[in-house]
Amino acid sequence: MRRRDESPDWMWSNALATLDRMERVHRQIFQLRAARTPTWEPPVDVLETERELLIYVALPGVDAREVKAVIDGATLVVSGRRVLPASLQHAAIHRLELPQGRFERHVPLPAGRYAGSHVSSERGCLVISLEKAA
């Protein structure tokens, strides 16, 4: 097995990952948008069991009570805002990778009917459970 410092592949991989992060931050910071327009989209996982559809939305640091989730046709729309806590507004920032500001994510739902819903928070994720109709 070759050592990490003997192969240039690890450098290329790190450089590409860094460029990707820089591009994402650039888009978030420098896009001119109205204040009410979403500035980022949280990642989601959609899982289906026999009885329900589970949507996990990665929102560390966001209170589940501050998130709006609405079904619009065959799409779940999740929106809200992540802001630095007031106690940290004047802190020196050494690294800020979690996006801030208004977010909105449109999640296409599998075909079917849903009888009820439940929203909870688990390990930094908003969990939306949609019960399947009989």
N, C-alpha and C. Protein backbone atom coordinates (compact mmCIF):
# COMPACT_ATOMS: atom_id res chain seq x y z
N MET A 1 0.84 -1.18 0.00
CA MET A 1 0.00 0.00 0.00
C MET A 1 0.89 1.24 0.00
N ARG A 2 0.57 2.21 -0.84
CA ARG A 2 1.38 3.42 -0.93
C ARG A 2 1.01 4.38 0.18
N ARG A 3 1.99 5.09 0.65
CA ARG A 3 1.74 6.11 1.66
C ARG A 3 1.06 7.30 1.03
N ARG A 4 0.33 8.04 1.83
CA ARG A 4 -0.42 9.19 1.34
C ARG A 4 0.48 10.21 0.66
N ASP A 5 1.67 10.45 1.22
CA ASP A 5 2.54 11.48 0.66
C ASP A 5 3.29 11.03 -0.59
N GLU A 6 3.14 9.77 -0.99
CA GLU A 6 3.80 9.27 -2.19
C GLU A 6 2.91 9.37 -3.42
N SER A 7 1.64 9.67 -3.25
CA SER A 7 0.70 9.74 -4.37
C SER A 7 0.09 11.13 -4.46
N PRO A 8 0.05 11.70 -5.67
CA PRO A 8 -0.56 13.03 -5.81
C PRO A 8 -2.09 12.98 -5.79
N ASP A 9 -2.69 11.79 -5.80
CA ASP A 9 -4.16 11.68 -5.84
C ASP A 9 -4.83 12.33 -4.63
N TRP A 10 -4.25 12.18 -3.45
CA TRP A 10 -4.88 12.76 -2.26
C TRP A 10 -4.89 14.28 -2.34
N MET A 11 -3.86 14.87 -2.93
CA MET A 11 -3.82 16.32 -3.06
C MET A 11 -4.91 16.79 -4.02
N TRP A 12 -5.08 16.09 -5.12
CA TRP A 12 -6.10 16.45 -6.11
C TRP A 12 -7.49 16.35 -5.49
N SER A 13 -7.72 15.28 -4.74
CA SER A 13 -9.01 15.08 -4.08
C SER A 13 -9.28 16.20 -3.08
N ASN A 14 -8.28 16.54 -2.27
CA ASN A 14 -8.45 17.63 -1.30
C ASN A 14 -8.68 18.96 -2.00
N ALA A 15 -7.96 19.22 -3.08
CA ALA A 15 -8.11 20.48 -3.82
C ALA A 15 -9.52 20.60 -4.39
N LEU A 16 -10.04 19.51 -4.97
CA LEU A 16 -11.39 19.54 -5.53
C LEU A 16 -12.45 19.76 -4.44
N ALA A 17 -12.26 19.10 -3.30
CA ALA A 17 -13.20 19.27 -2.20
C ALA A 17 -13.18 20.71 -1.69
N THR A 18 -12.01 21.30 -1.60
CA THR A 18 -11.88 22.69 -1.16
C THR A 18 -12.53 23.64 -2.16
N LEU A 19 -12.30 23.41 -3.45
CA LEU A 19 -12.92 24.25 -4.47
C LEU A 19 -14.44 24.15 -4.41
N ASP A 20 -14.95 22.94 -4.18
CA ASP A 20 -16.40 22.75 -4.08
C ASP A 20 -16.96 23.55 -2.90
N ARG A 21 -16.29 23.49 -1.75
CA ARG A 21 -16.75 24.24 -0.58
C ARG A 21 -16.69 25.74 -0.84
N MET A 22 -15.62 26.20 -1.48
CA MET A 22 -15.49 27.62 -1.77
C MET A 22 -16.58 28.09 -2.72
N GLU A 23 -16.88 27.29 -3.72
CA GLU A 23 -17.93 27.65 -4.68
C GLU A 23 -19.29 27.72 -3.99
N ARG A 24 -19.57 26.78 -3.10
CA ARG A 24 -20.84 26.77 -2.37
C ARG A 24 -20.96 28.01 -1.49
N VAL A 25 -19.91 28.35 -0.76
CA VAL A 25 -19.92 29.53 0.09
C VAL A 25 -20.06 30.79 -0.76
N HIS A 26 -19.36 30.84 -1.88
CA HIS A 26 -19.44 31.99 -2.78
C HIS A 26 -20.87 32.21 -3.25
N ARG A 27 -21.54 31.12 -3.66
CA ARG A 27 -22.93 31.23 -4.11
C ARG A 27 -23.82 31.73 -2.99
N GLN A 28 -23.59 31.23 -1.76
CA GLN A 28 -24.44 31.63 -0.64
C GLN A 28 -24.23 33.09 -0.26
N ILE A 29 -23.02 33.57 -0.33
CA ILE A 29 -22.72 34.92 0.13
C ILE A 29 -22.99 35.98 -0.93
N PHE A 30 -22.62 35.70 -2.17
CA PHE A 30 -22.62 36.75 -3.17
C PHE A 30 -23.81 36.78 -4.12
N GLN A 31 -24.76 35.89 -3.94
CA GLN A 31 -25.95 35.96 -4.78
C GLN A 31 -26.82 37.11 -4.32
N LEU A 32 -27.22 37.93 -5.26
CA LEU A 32 -28.12 39.03 -4.93
C LEU A 32 -29.54 38.50 -4.93
N ARG A 33 -30.15 38.50 -3.76
CA ARG A 33 -31.50 37.98 -3.64
C ARG A 33 -32.30 38.88 -2.71
N ALA A 34 -33.59 38.85 -2.89
CA ALA A 34 -34.47 39.57 -1.97
C ALA A 34 -34.39 38.90 -0.60
N ALA A 35 -34.66 39.63 0.44
CA ALA A 35 -34.54 39.12 1.80
C ALA A 35 -35.45 37.91 2.05
N ARG A 36 -36.55 37.81 1.36
CA ARG A 36 -37.49 36.72 1.59
C ARG A 36 -37.21 35.52 0.70
N THR A 37 -36.25 35.63 -0.18
CA THR A 37 -35.91 34.53 -1.09
C THR A 37 -34.95 33.57 -0.40
N PRO A 38 -35.17 32.26 -0.49
CA PRO A 38 -34.27 31.30 0.14
C PRO A 38 -32.85 31.41 -0.41
N THR A 39 -31.86 31.23 0.46
CA THR A 39 -30.47 31.31 0.03
C THR A 39 -29.77 29.97 0.02
N TRP A 40 -30.40 28.93 0.57
CA TRP A 40 -29.77 27.61 0.55
C TRP A 40 -30.83 26.53 0.70
N GLU A 41 -30.43 25.29 0.35
CA GLU A 41 -31.31 24.13 0.45
C GLU A 41 -30.67 23.08 1.35
N PRO A 42 -31.36 22.63 2.40
CA PRO A 42 -30.79 21.59 3.25
C PRO A 42 -30.86 20.22 2.55
N PRO A 43 -29.89 19.34 2.82
CA PRO A 43 -29.95 17.99 2.25
C PRO A 43 -31.06 17.18 2.92
N VAL A 44 -31.64 16.25 2.17
CA VAL A 44 -32.72 15.41 2.69
C VAL A 44 -32.50 13.94 2.33
N ASP A 45 -33.08 13.07 3.15
CA ASP A 45 -33.19 11.65 2.86
C ASP A 45 -34.68 11.32 2.89
N VAL A 46 -35.14 10.52 1.94
CA VAL A 46 -36.54 10.10 1.91
C VAL A 46 -36.55 8.57 1.96
N LEU A 47 -37.20 8.01 2.99
CA LEU A 47 -37.26 6.57 3.19
C LEU A 47 -38.72 6.15 3.30
N GLU A 48 -39.02 4.97 2.80
CA GLU A 48 -40.40 4.49 2.82
C GLU A 48 -40.46 3.13 3.49
N THR A 49 -41.41 2.98 4.42
CA THR A 49 -41.69 1.70 5.05
C THR A 49 -43.09 1.27 4.62
N GLU A 50 -43.54 0.17 5.17
CA GLU A 50 -44.88 -0.32 4.85
C GLU A 50 -45.97 0.66 5.27
N ARG A 51 -45.73 1.35 6.40
CA ARG A 51 -46.77 2.22 6.98
C ARG A 51 -46.57 3.71 6.79
N GLU A 52 -45.34 4.13 6.46
CA GLU A 52 -45.10 5.57 6.42
C GLU A 52 -43.97 5.95 5.48
N LEU A 53 -43.94 7.25 5.20
CA LEU A 53 -42.87 7.85 4.42
C LEU A 53 -42.12 8.75 5.40
N LEU A 54 -40.80 8.58 5.50
CA LEU A 54 -39.98 9.36 6.42
C LEU A 54 -39.08 10.30 5.63
N ILE A 55 -39.11 11.57 5.99
CA ILE A 55 -38.26 12.57 5.34
C ILE A 55 -37.35 13.15 6.43
N TYR A 56 -36.05 12.94 6.27
CA TYR A 56 -35.05 13.49 7.18
C TYR A 56 -34.43 14.72 6.52
N VAL A 57 -34.53 15.86 7.19
CA VAL A 57 -33.98 17.10 6.67
C VAL A 57 -32.85 17.53 7.60
N ALA A 58 -31.63 17.62 7.08
CA ALA A 58 -30.46 17.96 7.90
C ALA A 58 -30.49 19.44 8.24
N LEU A 59 -30.83 19.74 9.49
CA LEU A 59 -30.95 21.12 9.95
C LEU A 59 -30.33 21.29 11.34
N PRO A 60 -29.04 21.00 11.50
CA PRO A 60 -28.44 21.18 12.83
C PRO A 60 -28.51 22.64 13.25
N GLY A 61 -28.89 22.85 14.50
CA GLY A 61 -28.96 24.21 15.03
C GLY A 61 -30.25 24.94 14.73
N VAL A 62 -31.22 24.27 14.09
CA VAL A 62 -32.50 24.90 13.77
C VAL A 62 -33.58 24.24 14.62
N ASP A 63 -34.35 25.04 15.33
CA ASP A 63 -35.44 24.53 16.16
C ASP A 63 -36.57 24.03 15.26
N ALA A 64 -37.01 22.79 15.49
CA ALA A 64 -38.07 22.19 14.67
C ALA A 64 -39.34 23.03 14.68
N ARG A 65 -39.59 23.75 15.78
CA ARG A 65 -40.79 24.59 15.86
C ARG A 65 -40.71 25.81 14.94
N GLU A 66 -39.53 26.12 14.46
CA GLU A 66 -39.32 27.28 13.59
C GLU A 66 -39.35 26.91 12.11
N VAL A 67 -39.60 25.63 11.81
CA VAL A 67 -39.59 25.15 10.43
C VAL A 67 -41.02 24.94 9.96
N LYS A 68 -41.29 25.36 8.74
CA LYS A 68 -42.61 25.19 8.14
C LYS A 68 -42.53 24.04 7.13
N ALA A 69 -43.44 23.09 7.23
CA ALA A 69 -43.50 21.97 6.28
C ALA A 69 -44.93 21.89 5.75
N VAL A 70 -45.07 22.00 4.42
CA VAL A 70 -46.38 22.03 3.77
C VAL A 70 -46.36 21.11 2.57
N ILE A 71 -47.43 20.35 2.38
CA ILE A 71 -47.56 19.54 1.17
C ILE A 71 -48.29 20.37 0.13
N ASP A 72 -47.64 20.56 -1.01
CA ASP A 72 -48.19 21.33 -2.12
C ASP A 72 -48.28 20.39 -3.32
N GLY A 73 -49.47 19.83 -3.54
CA GLY A 73 -49.63 18.83 -4.60
C GLY A 73 -48.87 17.57 -4.25
N ALA A 74 -47.91 17.20 -5.08
CA ALA A 74 -47.09 16.00 -4.84
C ALA A 74 -45.70 16.37 -4.34
N THR A 75 -45.59 17.54 -3.71
CA THR A 75 -44.29 18.03 -3.23
C THR A 75 -44.39 18.48 -1.79
N LEU A 76 -43.41 18.09 -0.99
CA LEU A 76 -43.30 18.59 0.37
C LEU A 76 -42.38 19.81 0.31
N VAL A 77 -42.82 20.93 0.85
CA VAL A 77 -42.01 22.15 0.88
C VAL A 77 -41.63 22.40 2.33
N VAL A 78 -40.32 22.40 2.60
CA VAL A 78 -39.78 22.63 3.94
C VAL A 78 -39.03 23.97 3.90
N SER A 79 -39.38 24.88 4.80
CA SER A 79 -38.74 26.19 4.79
C SER A 79 -38.53 26.70 6.20
N GLY A 80 -37.62 27.65 6.32
CA GLY A 80 -37.32 28.25 7.62
C GLY A 80 -36.09 29.12 7.50
N ARG A 81 -35.43 29.32 8.63
CA ARG A 81 -34.26 30.21 8.67
C ARG A 81 -33.27 29.70 9.72
N ARG A 82 -32.00 29.72 9.39
CA ARG A 82 -30.95 29.46 10.37
C ARG A 82 -30.20 30.77 10.58
N VAL A 83 -30.09 31.17 11.85
CA VAL A 83 -29.35 32.38 12.19
C VAL A 83 -28.44 32.07 13.37
N LEU A 84 -27.37 32.82 13.45
CA LEU A 84 -26.49 32.69 14.61
C LEU A 84 -27.26 33.14 15.85
N PRO A 85 -27.07 32.45 16.96
CA PRO A 85 -27.72 32.91 18.20
C PRO A 85 -27.27 34.33 18.52
N ALA A 86 -28.15 35.11 19.15
CA ALA A 86 -27.85 36.50 19.48
C ALA A 86 -26.57 36.63 20.29
N SER A 87 -26.30 35.65 21.16
CA SER A 87 -25.11 35.71 22.00
C SER A 87 -23.81 35.58 21.19
N LEU A 88 -23.91 35.12 19.93
CA LEU A 88 -22.73 34.95 19.09
C LEU A 88 -22.62 35.97 17.97
N GLN A 89 -23.50 36.94 17.93
CA GLN A 89 -23.52 37.92 16.84
C GLN A 89 -22.21 38.70 16.72
N HIS A 90 -21.51 38.88 17.83
CA HIS A 90 -20.27 39.66 17.80
C HIS A 90 -19.04 38.79 18.04
N ALA A 91 -19.20 37.49 17.91
CA ALA A 91 -18.07 36.57 18.11
C ALA A 91 -17.13 36.62 16.91
N ALA A 92 -15.87 36.35 17.15
CA ALA A 92 -14.90 36.24 16.05
C ALA A 92 -15.14 34.90 15.35
N ILE A 93 -15.37 34.94 14.06
CA ILE A 93 -15.66 33.71 13.31
C ILE A 93 -14.37 33.21 12.68
N HIS A 94 -13.99 32.00 13.05
CA HIS A 94 -12.80 31.38 12.48
C HIS A 94 -13.16 30.46 11.33
N ARG A 95 -14.35 29.91 11.38
CA ARG A 95 -14.85 29.05 10.31
C ARG A 95 -16.36 29.03 10.41
N LEU A 96 -17.04 29.19 9.27
CA LEU A 96 -18.50 29.18 9.25
C LEU A 96 -18.93 28.39 8.02
N GLU A 97 -19.15 27.10 8.19
CA GLU A 97 -19.50 26.23 7.07
C GLU A 97 -20.99 25.93 6.99
N LEU A 98 -21.68 25.99 8.13
CA LEU A 98 -23.12 25.76 8.10
C LEU A 98 -23.78 26.99 7.51
N PRO A 99 -24.59 26.81 6.47
CA PRO A 99 -25.21 27.97 5.83
C PRO A 99 -26.16 28.68 6.78
N GLN A 100 -26.23 30.00 6.62
CA GLN A 100 -27.10 30.83 7.43
C GLN A 100 -28.15 31.47 6.52
N GLY A 101 -29.21 31.94 7.12
CA GLY A 101 -30.24 32.63 6.35
C GLY A 101 -31.44 31.74 6.06
N ARG A 102 -32.26 32.22 5.15
CA ARG A 102 -33.50 31.54 4.81
C ARG A 102 -33.22 30.34 3.91
N PHE A 103 -33.88 29.21 4.22
CA PHE A 103 -33.76 28.01 3.39
C PHE A 103 -35.13 27.55 2.93
N GLU A 104 -35.11 26.79 1.86
CA GLU A 104 -36.34 26.18 1.35
C GLU A 104 -35.94 24.98 0.53
N ARG A 105 -36.65 23.86 0.75
CA ARG A 105 -36.36 22.65 0.00
C ARG A 105 -37.67 22.05 -0.49
N HIS A 106 -37.74 21.76 -1.79
CA HIS A 106 -38.91 21.12 -2.39
C HIS A 106 -38.56 19.65 -2.58
N VAL A 107 -39.34 18.77 -1.93
CA VAL A 107 -39.08 17.34 -1.97
C VAL A 107 -40.23 16.65 -2.68
N PRO A 108 -39.98 16.09 -3.89
CA PRO A 108 -41.05 15.35 -4.57
C PRO A 108 -41.43 14.11 -3.75
N LEU A 109 -42.72 13.89 -3.59
CA LEU A 109 -43.20 12.74 -2.82
C LEU A 109 -43.59 11.60 -3.75
N PRO A 110 -43.36 10.35 -3.31
CA PRO A 110 -43.83 9.22 -4.12
C PRO A 110 -45.35 9.26 -4.24
N ALA A 111 -45.85 8.71 -5.32
CA ALA A 111 -47.30 8.67 -5.53
C ALA A 111 -47.97 7.95 -4.37
N GLY A 112 -49.12 8.44 -3.97
CA GLY A 112 -49.86 7.82 -2.87
C GLY A 112 -50.63 8.86 -2.10
N ARG A 113 -51.38 8.38 -1.11
CA ARG A 113 -52.16 9.28 -0.26
C ARG A 113 -51.63 9.14 1.16
N TYR A 114 -51.66 10.25 1.88
CA TYR A 114 -51.13 10.26 3.23
C TYR A 114 -52.22 10.72 4.19
N ALA A 115 -52.39 9.96 5.28
CA ALA A 115 -53.50 10.19 6.21
C ALA A 115 -53.15 11.17 7.32
N GLY A 116 -51.91 11.22 7.73
CA GLY A 116 -51.54 12.11 8.83
C GLY A 116 -50.04 12.35 8.80
N SER A 117 -49.62 13.25 9.66
CA SER A 117 -48.19 13.57 9.71
C SER A 117 -47.74 13.80 11.14
N HIS A 118 -46.45 13.66 11.34
CA HIS A 118 -45.83 13.90 12.63
C HIS A 118 -44.45 14.51 12.37
N VAL A 119 -44.11 15.55 13.11
CA VAL A 119 -42.82 16.20 12.94
C VAL A 119 -42.06 16.10 14.26
N SER A 120 -40.79 15.70 14.17
CA SER A 120 -39.95 15.62 15.36
C SER A 120 -38.53 16.01 14.99
N SER A 121 -37.67 15.99 15.98
CA SER A 121 -36.27 16.33 15.76
C SER A 121 -35.43 15.18 16.28
N GLU A 122 -34.42 14.77 15.51
CA GLU A 122 -33.59 13.64 15.89
C GLU A 122 -32.16 13.84 15.38
N ARG A 123 -31.23 13.96 16.31
CA ARG A 123 -29.80 14.06 15.97
C ARG A 123 -29.49 15.14 14.93
N GLY A 124 -30.05 16.31 15.09
CA GLY A 124 -29.77 17.41 14.18
C GLY A 124 -30.59 17.39 12.90
N CYS A 125 -31.52 16.45 12.82
CA CYS A 125 -32.38 16.38 11.63
C CYS A 125 -33.82 16.60 12.02
N LEU A 126 -34.54 17.29 11.16
CA LEU A 126 -35.98 17.39 11.28
C LEU A 126 -36.52 16.11 10.66
N VAL A 127 -37.40 15.40 11.34
CA VAL A 127 -37.95 14.15 10.81
C VAL A 127 -39.44 14.36 10.59
N ILE A 128 -39.86 14.23 9.34
CA ILE A 128 -41.27 14.36 8.99
C ILE A 128 -41.77 12.98 8.62
N SER A 129 -42.77 12.50 9.35
CA SER A 129 -43.33 11.19 9.11
C SER A 129 -44.72 11.37 8.52
N LEU A 130 -44.94 10.85 7.32
CA LEU A 130 -46.24 10.91 6.66
C LEU A 130 -46.84 9.51 6.67
N GLU A 131 -47.96 9.35 7.37
CA GLU A 131 -48.63 8.05 7.45
C GLU A 131 -49.35 7.76 6.15
N LYS A 132 -49.20 6.55 5.64
CA LYS A 132 -49.88 6.17 4.40
C LYS A 132 -51.36 5.92 4.68
N ALA A 133 -52.21 6.37 3.77
CA ALA A 133 -53.65 6.12 3.89
C ALA A 133 -53.93 4.68 3.47
N ALA A 134 -54.92 4.10 4.10
CA ALA A 134 -55.28 2.70 3.80
C ALA A 134 -55.96 2.55 2.46
